[in-house]
């Protein structure tokens, strides 16, 4: 009996303790110093700095357009062998939806009904359009209208929207948000791209409107011409001071620079096509871009003591080889090994703190030059073309370390390469290719849209391509195929097979 009473007493004590613990339980488990709210401008900044091109762009976009190449296989094998590596291909998707769209949709939701934050609201709309352009240009049909609504509307499996509908809304969003920005309104203090300068944000919005309009040049030239004219009327970038740049530092390194100064330092090389184009045209930009470690027989031999940045010695690596079969090309070029090919200089343009250029005055001027050639605007195409080339050459000074190009060198280059009316489209878009170096998504998109530069396909055997000479889109991530299969399948039925060959809506033959 005594033992039973002991059990009963123990049980009552335990119950009392539980009741006592439950009282104030919620308060005890709340961190009194944890953030419960985030300033919308901080979310905007997070999206902005996360927009810098990442390592995955070296594996796909930059390789597809034949600017850089790695001969090495393994987990990173991708466009270097025309292979569908979905782990690598998911980079733009994961970064875009997790870091950009999620934050930007929340900023828009939190500021749309607050007149005091109207400028922040419209800035977030502009940058959301930028992020969605990268995503839809990369993959085609994507979640758009219901994207980023997981927390706000409990949408866990968003519907995929047709790219045609996405672009129609992007054009409206960019025009509407840009025109609604008010320089006399509430400033957006603490914003990292332009320091809250509303005039520059308006120019950026209209420059993106021009970029989006030009995407439609093959599929809907009438609408392209209409919106290109609207962009010009709204006011586009006027100088390199308007460039959309992410300025990296020790706390947030350039993602490409970090990779090329880390474990990937000896893996990536400038392509033969890119180096040869710059050399054949006596382009002074090559000296700002390239370095060759003369006589290197391994990655360890790539030291500053054998570094040569002079134009004459640069030799780009050809595509179509892996690290074993490239020995034939190495011997034909008279090199010591594959490590002897030219690379992007990781002490300058690929420095971990080098800036990332996302939308530039140079790109904008070149798109205007094309619009002028097409008769969509009345400006002088030759002058716009020269302005664009000059702007990109001047832009390189931002990397430091001797990357600046002298005005004499710029003038000499332009005098030798004036716009030729008979080859204007090729000239303009080949210069756009150079001006978009290291901005893989934009270089890849404009290459598909314009067809320039005229490049020979990657001849590597065993390609995953079935019907096209070049990769035309990146495939959907396995995560989407697993958790959002029904909506993905609807997109595939509408757009075409989930293959590297399938063209996005605006990329007509």
Protein backbone atom coordinates (compact mmCIF):
# COMPACT_ATOMS: atom_id res chain seq x y z
CA UNK A 1 0.00 0.00 0.00
CA UNK A 2 2.83 2.32 0.89
CA UNK A 3 4.38 1.62 -2.54
CA UNK A 4 1.08 2.43 -4.31
CA UNK A 5 0.79 5.73 -2.43
CA UNK A 6 4.34 6.54 -3.42
CA UNK A 7 3.48 6.00 -7.12
CA UNK A 8 0.35 8.14 -6.81
CA UNK A 9 2.28 10.90 -5.09
CA UNK A 10 5.01 10.73 -7.73
CA UNK A 11 2.45 10.93 -10.51
CA UNK A 12 0.79 13.94 -8.94
CA UNK A 13 4.13 15.67 -8.57
CA UNK A 14 4.96 14.95 -12.22
CA UNK A 15 1.60 16.35 -13.31
CA UNK A 16 2.16 19.42 -11.20
CA UNK A 17 5.57 19.91 -12.77
CA UNK A 18 4.10 19.51 -16.27
CA UNK A 19 1.35 22.02 -15.54
CA UNK A 20 3.90 24.38 -14.07
CA UNK A 21 6.15 23.97 -17.13
CA UNK A 22 3.23 24.55 -19.48
CA UNK A 23 2.47 27.87 -17.84
CA UNK A 24 4.45 30.43 -19.81
CA UNK A 25 5.80 27.72 -22.14
CA UNK A 26 5.32 29.81 -25.29
CA UNK A 27 7.07 32.81 -23.78
CA UNK A 28 9.97 30.68 -22.59
CA UNK A 29 10.57 29.37 -26.12
CA UNK A 30 10.69 32.74 -27.87
CA UNK A 31 14.13 34.25 -28.33
CA UNK A 32 13.73 37.81 -26.99
CA UNK A 33 16.53 39.14 -29.22
CA UNK A 34 15.64 37.28 -32.45
CA UNK A 35 14.42 39.23 -35.49
CA UNK A 36 10.66 39.07 -35.93
CA UNK A 37 10.58 41.42 -38.90
CA UNK A 38 12.98 42.37 -41.68
CA UNK A 39 13.13 45.76 -43.34
CA UNK A 40 11.95 45.38 -46.95
CA UNK A 41 15.01 47.24 -48.25
CA UNK A 42 17.22 44.57 -46.66
CA UNK A 43 15.28 41.89 -48.55
CA UNK A 44 15.72 43.90 -51.74
CA UNK A 45 19.46 44.10 -51.11
CA UNK A 46 19.63 40.37 -50.50
CA UNK A 47 18.00 39.79 -53.88
CA UNK A 48 20.29 42.28 -55.59
CA UNK A 49 23.57 40.81 -54.34
CA UNK A 50 22.31 37.28 -55.03
CA UNK A 51 21.85 38.23 -58.69
CA UNK A 52 25.58 37.99 -59.48
CA UNK A 53 26.30 35.23 -62.04
CA UNK A 54 27.41 32.04 -60.32
CA UNK A 55 29.82 29.20 -61.00
CA UNK A 56 27.10 27.26 -62.84
CA UNK A 57 27.21 29.86 -65.62
CA UNK A 58 30.76 28.76 -66.42
CA UNK A 59 29.56 25.19 -66.86
CA UNK A 60 26.69 26.09 -69.18
CA UNK A 61 26.03 29.57 -70.57
CA UNK A 62 29.61 30.84 -70.91
CA UNK A 63 30.68 27.52 -72.44
CA UNK A 64 27.71 27.33 -74.82
CA UNK A 65 28.64 30.70 -76.34
CA UNK A 66 32.27 29.57 -76.58
CA UNK A 67 33.96 32.08 -74.31
CA UNK A 68 35.30 29.67 -71.68
CA UNK A 69 35.80 25.91 -71.49
CA UNK A 70 37.00 23.18 -69.18
CA UNK A 71 38.35 19.89 -70.58
CA UNK A 72 37.72 18.08 -67.30
CA UNK A 73 34.86 15.63 -66.79
CA UNK A 74 33.33 14.37 -63.55
CA UNK A 75 30.56 15.97 -61.48
CA UNK A 76 30.91 19.28 -63.33
CA UNK A 77 30.62 17.88 -66.86
CA UNK A 78 28.02 19.95 -68.71
CA UNK A 79 28.12 22.12 -71.85
CA UNK A 80 31.80 21.31 -72.35
CA UNK A 81 30.56 17.92 -73.56
CA UNK A 82 27.00 19.00 -74.55
CA UNK A 83 25.70 16.96 -71.63
CA UNK A 84 22.57 17.38 -69.53
CA UNK A 85 23.87 17.59 -65.97
CA UNK A 86 20.79 18.52 -63.96
CA UNK A 87 22.67 19.02 -60.72
CA UNK A 88 24.64 21.84 -62.36
CA UNK A 89 21.76 23.06 -64.53
CA UNK A 90 19.63 23.74 -61.44
CA UNK A 91 21.84 26.66 -60.36
CA UNK A 92 19.83 29.51 -61.88
CA UNK A 93 16.57 27.92 -60.74
CA UNK A 94 17.60 27.42 -57.12
CA UNK A 95 19.21 30.82 -56.77
CA UNK A 96 16.44 32.59 -58.66
CA UNK A 97 13.48 31.22 -56.74
CA UNK A 98 15.02 30.78 -53.30
CA UNK A 99 17.03 33.97 -53.04
CA UNK A 100 15.51 36.43 -55.52
CA UNK A 101 11.85 35.75 -56.23
CA UNK A 102 10.99 34.78 -52.64
CA UNK A 103 12.40 38.03 -51.26
CA UNK A 104 11.15 40.28 -54.05
CA UNK A 105 7.58 38.96 -53.95
CA UNK A 106 7.53 39.56 -50.21
CA UNK A 107 8.87 43.11 -50.61
CA UNK A 108 6.19 43.84 -53.20
CA UNK A 109 3.47 42.40 -50.99
CA UNK A 110 4.59 44.43 -47.97
CA UNK A 111 4.97 47.77 -49.76
CA UNK A 112 2.23 47.81 -52.40
CA UNK A 113 -0.35 49.52 -50.17
CA UNK A 114 2.03 51.93 -48.45
CA UNK A 115 2.32 55.28 -50.30
CA UNK A 116 5.43 56.14 -48.26
CA UNK A 117 7.21 53.13 -49.79
CA UNK A 118 5.98 53.56 -53.36
CA UNK A 119 9.48 53.93 -54.83
CA UNK A 120 10.69 50.80 -53.04
CA UNK A 121 7.65 48.95 -54.36
CA UNK A 122 8.39 49.92 -57.96
CA UNK A 123 12.11 49.17 -57.62
CA UNK A 124 11.25 45.66 -56.40
CA UNK A 125 8.95 45.21 -59.43
CA UNK A 126 11.79 46.16 -61.77
CA UNK A 127 14.25 43.75 -60.19
CA UNK A 128 11.67 40.97 -60.04
CA UNK A 129 11.29 41.40 -63.80
CA UNK A 130 15.08 41.12 -64.19
CA UNK A 131 15.11 37.90 -62.14
CA UNK A 132 12.23 36.38 -64.07
CA UNK A 133 13.88 37.22 -67.40
CA UNK A 134 16.94 35.19 -66.39
CA UNK A 135 14.73 32.29 -65.30
CA UNK A 136 12.42 32.16 -68.30
CA UNK A 137 15.25 32.76 -70.79
CA UNK A 138 17.11 29.84 -69.21
CA UNK A 139 14.28 27.30 -68.88
CA UNK A 140 11.35 28.54 -70.97
CA UNK A 141 7.95 28.06 -69.36
CA UNK A 142 8.27 28.55 -65.59
CA UNK A 143 6.14 29.38 -62.54
CA UNK A 144 5.53 33.12 -62.82
CA UNK A 145 2.15 34.45 -61.72
CA UNK A 146 1.95 32.18 -58.67
CA UNK A 147 5.69 32.04 -57.94
CA UNK A 148 6.90 33.08 -54.50
CA UNK A 149 3.42 32.63 -53.02
CA UNK A 150 4.26 29.71 -50.75
CA UNK A 151 4.04 31.70 -47.52
CA UNK A 152 1.60 34.38 -48.69
CA UNK A 153 -0.99 32.17 -50.38
CA UNK A 154 0.09 28.63 -49.38
CA UNK A 155 0.97 27.79 -52.99
CA UNK A 156 3.36 24.86 -52.72
CA UNK A 157 3.03 23.59 -56.30
CA UNK A 158 2.89 26.64 -58.57
CA UNK A 159 1.52 26.41 -62.09
CA UNK A 160 3.94 26.87 -65.00
CA UNK A 161 3.07 29.78 -67.27
CA UNK A 162 3.73 30.04 -71.00
CA UNK A 163 6.71 32.22 -71.85
CA UNK A 164 4.60 34.30 -74.23
CA UNK A 165 2.31 35.27 -71.33
CA UNK A 166 5.29 35.87 -69.07
CA UNK A 167 6.91 38.27 -71.52
CA UNK A 168 3.65 40.14 -72.05
CA UNK A 169 3.49 40.80 -68.31
CA UNK A 170 7.21 41.57 -68.01
CA UNK A 171 6.88 44.32 -70.60
CA UNK A 172 3.91 45.81 -68.77
CA UNK A 173 5.64 45.56 -65.39
CA UNK A 174 8.85 47.19 -66.57
CA UNK A 175 7.07 50.02 -68.33
CA UNK A 176 4.62 50.60 -65.51
CA UNK A 177 7.14 50.42 -62.67
CA UNK A 178 9.72 52.60 -64.44
CA UNK A 179 7.24 55.34 -65.27
CA UNK A 180 5.76 55.25 -61.75
CA UNK A 181 9.09 55.91 -60.01
CA UNK A 182 9.08 59.39 -58.51
CA UNK A 183 12.43 61.17 -57.97
CA UNK A 184 10.61 63.65 -55.74
CA UNK A 185 9.06 60.88 -53.66
CA UNK A 186 10.30 59.00 -50.61
CA UNK A 187 13.97 57.98 -51.10
CA UNK A 188 15.02 54.34 -50.74
CA UNK A 189 17.91 54.76 -48.35
CA UNK A 190 20.32 51.85 -47.91
CA UNK A 191 19.65 50.29 -51.32
CA UNK A 192 22.96 48.86 -52.58
CA UNK A 193 22.72 49.16 -56.37
CA UNK A 194 22.30 52.91 -56.84
CA UNK A 195 22.17 54.20 -53.28
CA UNK A 196 18.49 54.97 -53.75
CA UNK A 197 18.97 57.17 -56.85
CA UNK A 198 15.49 56.98 -58.39
CA UNK A 199 16.55 58.53 -61.70
CA UNK A 200 19.10 55.77 -62.22
CA UNK A 201 16.55 53.13 -61.31
CA UNK A 202 14.19 54.57 -63.91
CA UNK A 203 16.92 54.38 -66.56
CA UNK A 204 17.64 50.81 -65.52
CA UNK A 205 13.97 49.88 -65.78
CA UNK A 206 13.71 51.32 -69.28
CA UNK A 207 16.97 49.65 -70.33
CA UNK A 208 15.55 46.32 -69.16
CA UNK A 209 12.36 47.16 -71.07
CA UNK A 210 14.51 47.59 -74.19
CA UNK A 211 16.25 44.26 -73.48
CA UNK A 212 12.92 42.48 -73.05
CA UNK A 213 11.53 44.10 -76.21
CA UNK A 214 14.51 42.95 -78.28
CA UNK A 215 13.98 39.35 -77.13
CA UNK A 216 10.83 39.41 -79.30
CA UNK A 217 12.63 40.54 -82.47
CA UNK A 218 12.06 37.21 -84.24
CA UNK A 219 8.78 36.04 -82.76
CA UNK A 220 6.87 39.36 -82.64
CA UNK A 221 8.80 42.17 -84.34
CA UNK A 222 5.83 44.54 -84.21
CA UNK A 223 5.59 44.38 -80.43
CA UNK A 224 9.39 44.49 -80.17
CA UNK A 225 9.50 47.71 -82.18
CA UNK A 226 6.67 49.25 -80.16
CA UNK A 227 8.26 48.59 -76.77
CA UNK A 228 11.75 49.50 -77.94
CA UNK A 229 10.40 52.94 -78.86
CA UNK A 230 8.64 53.19 -75.49
CA UNK A 231 11.88 52.35 -73.68
CA UNK A 232 13.73 55.09 -75.53
CA UNK A 233 10.98 57.58 -74.82
CA UNK A 234 11.12 56.70 -71.12
CA UNK A 235 14.88 57.26 -70.95
CA UNK A 236 17.53 54.52 -70.93
CA UNK A 237 21.06 54.42 -69.51
CA UNK A 238 23.17 57.44 -70.47
CA UNK A 239 26.66 56.48 -69.30
CA UNK A 240 28.64 53.86 -67.40
CA UNK A 241 27.59 55.64 -64.22
CA UNK A 242 24.18 54.03 -64.81
CA UNK A 243 25.54 50.45 -64.96
CA UNK A 244 23.86 47.93 -62.69
CA UNK A 245 26.89 46.58 -60.81
CA UNK A 246 27.22 44.32 -57.80
CA UNK A 247 30.37 45.51 -56.03
CA UNK A 248 31.85 42.57 -54.17
CA UNK A 249 33.98 42.70 -51.04
CA UNK A 250 35.53 40.39 -48.47
CA UNK A 251 32.11 39.69 -46.94
CA UNK A 252 30.45 38.80 -50.24
CA UNK A 253 32.91 37.56 -52.82
CA UNK A 254 32.28 37.37 -56.56
CA UNK A 255 30.96 33.79 -56.99
CA UNK A 256 32.93 33.20 -60.20
CA UNK A 257 36.08 34.74 -58.77
CA UNK A 258 35.81 32.59 -55.66
CA UNK A 259 35.64 29.42 -57.73
CA UNK A 260 38.47 30.40 -60.05
CA UNK A 261 40.70 31.25 -57.10
CA UNK A 262 39.81 28.08 -55.22
CA UNK A 263 39.55 24.46 -56.22
CA UNK A 264 38.65 25.33 -59.84
CA UNK A 265 41.62 27.63 -60.47
CA UNK A 266 43.31 25.39 -63.04
CA UNK A 267 40.13 23.94 -64.57
CA UNK A 268 38.76 26.74 -66.81
CA UNK A 269 40.33 28.29 -69.91
CA UNK A 270 39.47 30.90 -72.50
CA UNK A 271 38.23 29.30 -75.70
CA UNK A 272 40.01 29.35 -79.00
CA UNK A 273 37.04 31.13 -80.63
CA UNK A 274 37.02 33.98 -78.13
CA UNK A 275 40.79 34.52 -78.05
CA UNK A 276 41.14 34.27 -81.82
CA UNK A 277 38.34 36.77 -82.41
CA UNK A 278 39.96 39.35 -80.14
CA UNK A 279 43.44 38.74 -81.55
CA UNK A 280 42.38 38.88 -85.21
CA UNK A 281 40.67 42.21 -84.62
CA UNK A 282 43.54 43.71 -82.61
CA UNK A 283 41.09 44.15 -79.78
CA UNK A 284 42.78 45.80 -76.77
CA UNK A 285 40.36 44.07 -74.39
CA UNK A 286 42.27 40.80 -74.65
CA UNK A 287 45.16 42.25 -72.63
CA UNK A 288 42.71 43.14 -69.86
CA UNK A 289 41.07 39.71 -69.85
CA UNK A 290 43.71 37.05 -70.42
CA UNK A 291 46.78 35.55 -68.81
CA UNK A 292 48.89 32.61 -69.93
CA UNK A 293 51.21 30.70 -67.64
CA UNK A 294 53.98 29.94 -70.08
CA UNK A 295 55.28 26.39 -69.96
CA UNK A 296 53.00 25.23 -67.11
CA UNK A 297 52.72 21.45 -66.93
CA UNK A 298 50.30 21.36 -64.01
CA UNK A 299 48.03 23.64 -62.04
CA UNK A 300 50.77 24.08 -59.49
CA UNK A 301 52.99 25.56 -62.21
CA UNK A 302 50.52 28.39 -62.84
CA UNK A 303 52.43 30.95 -60.82
CA UNK A 304 52.91 34.67 -61.23
CA UNK A 305 56.53 34.11 -62.15
CA UNK A 306 55.54 32.59 -65.53
CA UNK A 307 52.40 34.72 -66.10
CA UNK A 308 52.27 36.57 -69.42
CA UNK A 309 49.45 39.00 -70.21
CA UNK A 310 50.70 40.24 -73.58
CA UNK A 311 48.36 39.76 -76.52
CA UNK A 312 50.69 37.92 -78.88
CA UNK A 313 51.25 34.90 -76.62
CA UNK A 314 47.59 34.16 -75.85
CA UNK A 315 46.28 30.81 -77.14
CA UNK A 316 42.70 29.73 -76.48
CA UNK A 317 41.70 26.13 -75.83
CA UNK A 318 39.63 24.47 -78.58
CA UNK A 319 36.34 22.76 -77.77
CA UNK A 320 35.68 19.12 -78.56
CA UNK A 321 38.24 17.54 -76.24
CA UNK A 322 38.55 16.22 -72.73
CA UNK A 323 41.67 16.40 -70.61
CA UNK A 324 43.03 13.22 -72.24
CA UNK A 325 42.23 13.79 -75.91
CA UNK A 326 43.25 17.46 -75.81
CA UNK A 327 46.88 16.34 -75.95
CA UNK A 328 46.62 16.29 -79.74
CA UNK A 329 45.61 19.97 -79.83
CA UNK A 330 48.26 20.80 -77.23
CA UNK A 331 50.99 19.33 -79.42
CA UNK A 332 49.67 21.10 -82.53
CA UNK A 333 49.83 24.43 -80.68
CA UNK A 334 53.36 23.76 -79.43
CA UNK A 335 52.34 24.01 -75.79
CA UNK A 336 53.82 22.23 -72.79
CA UNK A 337 50.44 20.91 -71.61
CA UNK A 338 46.78 21.85 -71.36
CA UNK A 339 47.70 24.05 -68.36
CA UNK A 340 49.64 26.22 -70.82
CA UNK A 341 46.48 27.59 -72.51
CA UNK A 342 45.20 31.12 -71.83
CA UNK A 343 42.91 31.72 -68.88
CA UNK A 344 40.72 34.46 -67.50
CA UNK A 345 43.09 36.40 -65.25
CA UNK A 346 42.06 35.47 -61.72
CA UNK A 347 44.10 38.33 -60.25
CA UNK A 348 42.04 40.95 -62.11
CA UNK A 349 38.67 40.25 -63.80
CA UNK A 350 38.28 37.00 -61.87
CA UNK A 351 39.46 38.40 -58.56
CA UNK A 352 37.15 37.36 -55.68
CA UNK A 353 36.31 41.03 -55.14
CA UNK A 354 35.88 41.92 -58.82
CA UNK A 355 32.50 43.51 -59.65
CA UNK A 356 29.64 41.73 -61.41
CA UNK A 357 28.02 43.68 -64.27
CA UNK A 358 24.35 42.78 -64.78
CA UNK A 359 22.90 45.46 -67.07
CA UNK A 360 25.20 47.95 -68.74
CA UNK A 361 25.30 51.11 -70.77
CA UNK A 362 27.38 49.24 -73.37
CA UNK A 363 24.75 46.52 -73.83
CA UNK A 364 22.00 49.11 -73.96
CA UNK A 365 23.74 51.19 -76.63
CA UNK A 366 24.33 48.11 -78.78
CA UNK A 367 20.67 47.09 -78.53
CA UNK A 368 19.72 50.63 -79.54
CA UNK A 369 22.07 50.34 -82.50
CA UNK A 370 20.26 47.20 -83.63
CA UNK A 371 16.89 48.87 -83.15
CA UNK A 372 18.12 51.76 -85.30
CA UNK A 373 19.30 49.37 -88.03
CA UNK A 374 15.86 47.76 -87.99
CA UNK A 375 14.25 51.20 -88.34
CA UNK A 376 12.50 50.97 -84.97
CA UNK A 377 14.09 54.18 -83.67
CA UNK A 378 15.43 57.17 -85.57
CA UNK A 379 18.90 57.46 -84.00
CA UNK A 380 22.21 56.99 -85.83
CA UNK A 381 23.06 53.27 -85.70
CA UNK A 382 26.77 53.81 -86.38
CA UNK A 383 27.10 56.31 -83.54
CA UNK A 384 25.20 54.07 -81.13
CA UNK A 385 27.39 51.12 -82.10
CA UNK A 386 30.58 53.12 -81.49
CA UNK A 387 29.18 54.37 -78.17
CA UNK A 388 28.49 50.79 -77.09
CA UNK A 389 31.96 49.50 -77.93
CA UNK A 390 33.59 52.49 -76.27
CA UNK A 391 31.45 52.08 -73.16
CA UNK A 392 32.47 48.45 -72.71
CA UNK A 393 36.15 49.21 -73.17
CA UNK A 394 35.90 52.01 -70.61
CA UNK A 395 33.92 49.73 -68.29
CA UNK A 396 36.88 47.37 -67.90
CA UNK A 397 38.73 49.96 -65.79
CA UNK A 398 36.40 49.04 -62.92
CA UNK A 399 38.26 45.75 -62.46
CA UNK A 400 41.54 47.49 -61.60
CA UNK A 401 44.97 45.90 -61.83
CA UNK A 402 45.84 47.36 -65.22
CA UNK A 403 42.57 46.49 -66.97
CA UNK A 404 41.87 50.07 -68.07
CA UNK A 405 42.10 50.68 -71.83
CA UNK A 406 43.52 53.96 -73.04
CA UNK A 407 41.43 56.38 -75.06
CA UNK A 408 44.00 56.17 -77.86
CA UNK A 409 43.55 52.39 -78.05
CA UNK A 410 39.77 52.76 -78.07
CA UNK A 411 39.88 55.37 -80.83
CA UNK A 412 42.23 53.23 -82.91
CA UNK A 413 39.97 50.19 -82.58
CA UNK A 414 36.82 52.11 -83.55
CA UNK A 415 38.54 53.69 -86.53
CA UNK A 416 39.51 50.23 -87.77
CA UNK A 417 36.07 48.72 -87.10
CA UNK A 418 33.34 51.20 -88.08
CA UNK A 419 29.82 49.89 -88.49
CA UNK A 420 29.38 48.30 -91.91
CA UNK A 421 25.79 48.69 -93.10
CA UNK A 422 26.03 45.39 -94.98
CA UNK A 423 27.08 43.43 -91.90
CA UNK A 424 25.59 45.60 -89.18
CA UNK A 425 23.54 42.94 -87.39
CA UNK A 426 26.52 40.61 -87.14
CA UNK A 427 28.87 43.37 -85.98
CA UNK A 428 26.51 44.72 -83.35
CA UNK A 429 25.65 41.37 -81.85
CA UNK A 430 29.20 40.05 -81.96
CA UNK A 431 30.22 43.13 -79.99
CA UNK A 432 27.32 42.38 -77.64
CA UNK A 433 28.84 38.92 -77.15
CA UNK A 434 32.11 40.51 -76.05
CA UNK A 435 30.35 43.16 -73.95
CA UNK A 436 28.45 40.41 -72.09
CA UNK A 437 31.55 38.41 -71.17
CA UNK A 438 31.12 36.88 -67.67
CA UNK A 439 27.37 37.58 -67.77
CA UNK A 440 26.51 34.08 -68.95
CA UNK A 441 22.68 34.28 -68.97
CA UNK A 442 22.67 37.44 -71.09
CA UNK A 443 25.34 36.26 -73.53
CA UNK A 444 23.47 32.96 -74.01
CA UNK A 445 20.09 34.67 -74.50
CA UNK A 446 21.31 37.19 -77.06
CA UNK A 447 23.27 34.52 -78.96
CA UNK A 448 20.06 32.50 -79.41
CA UNK A 449 18.00 35.55 -80.27
CA UNK A 450 20.34 37.14 -82.79
CA UNK A 451 22.25 34.14 -84.15
CA UNK A 452 25.54 35.98 -83.65
CA UNK A 453 28.40 35.55 -83.41
CA UNK A 454 28.53 32.80 -85.99
CA UNK A 455 30.19 29.98 -84.08
CA UNK A 456 31.03 26.42 -85.04
CA UNK A 457 29.29 23.83 -82.84
CA UNK A 458 31.14 22.00 -80.10
CA UNK A 459 32.24 18.75 -81.82
CA UNK A 460 32.69 16.65 -78.67
CA UNK A 461 31.47 13.07 -79.32
CA UNK A 462 28.70 11.57 -77.22
CA UNK A 463 26.59 14.73 -77.13
CA UNK A 464 23.14 14.68 -75.48
CA UNK A 465 21.86 16.96 -78.25
CA UNK A 466 19.43 15.20 -80.56
CA UNK A 467 18.35 17.75 -83.16
CA UNK A 468 20.25 21.02 -82.61
CA UNK A 469 23.88 22.04 -83.09
CA UNK A 470 23.86 24.16 -79.92
CA UNK A 471 22.15 23.88 -76.55
CA UNK A 472 18.97 25.99 -76.77
CA UNK A 473 17.74 25.87 -73.15
CA UNK A 474 18.61 24.35 -69.79
CA UNK A 475 16.47 21.49 -68.46
CA UNK A 476 14.23 21.63 -65.40
CA UNK A 477 15.69 20.57 -62.03
CA UNK A 478 15.04 17.05 -60.74
CA UNK A 479 13.46 18.60 -57.64
CA UNK A 480 10.64 20.04 -59.77
CA UNK A 481 10.16 16.78 -61.63
CA UNK A 482 9.78 15.05 -58.26
CA UNK A 483 7.55 17.43 -56.29
CA UNK A 484 5.66 19.43 -58.96
CA UNK A 485 5.36 16.81 -61.65
CA UNK A 486 1.83 17.56 -62.85
CA UNK A 487 2.56 21.23 -63.52
CA UNK A 488 5.96 20.47 -65.06
CA UNK A 489 4.31 17.98 -67.41
CA UNK A 490 1.81 20.60 -68.55
CA UNK A 491 4.72 22.88 -69.42
CA UNK A 492 6.48 20.10 -71.32
CA UNK A 493 3.31 19.28 -73.26
CA UNK A 494 2.98 22.94 -74.26
CA UNK A 495 6.65 23.81 -74.84
CA UNK A 496 8.20 20.57 -76.02
CA UNK A 497 10.41 17.83 -74.57
CA UNK A 498 12.48 18.66 -71.49
CA UNK A 499 15.70 18.49 -73.49
CA UNK A 500 18.67 20.73 -74.21
CA UNK A 501 17.45 20.94 -77.84
CA UNK A 502 14.02 22.43 -77.15
CA UNK A 503 13.74 26.09 -78.07
CA UNK A 504 12.02 28.61 -75.82
CA UNK A 505 9.10 30.59 -77.25
CA UNK A 506 11.03 33.61 -78.52
CA UNK A 507 13.88 31.50 -79.99
CA UNK A 508 12.43 30.70 -83.39
CA UNK A 509 14.71 29.27 -86.16
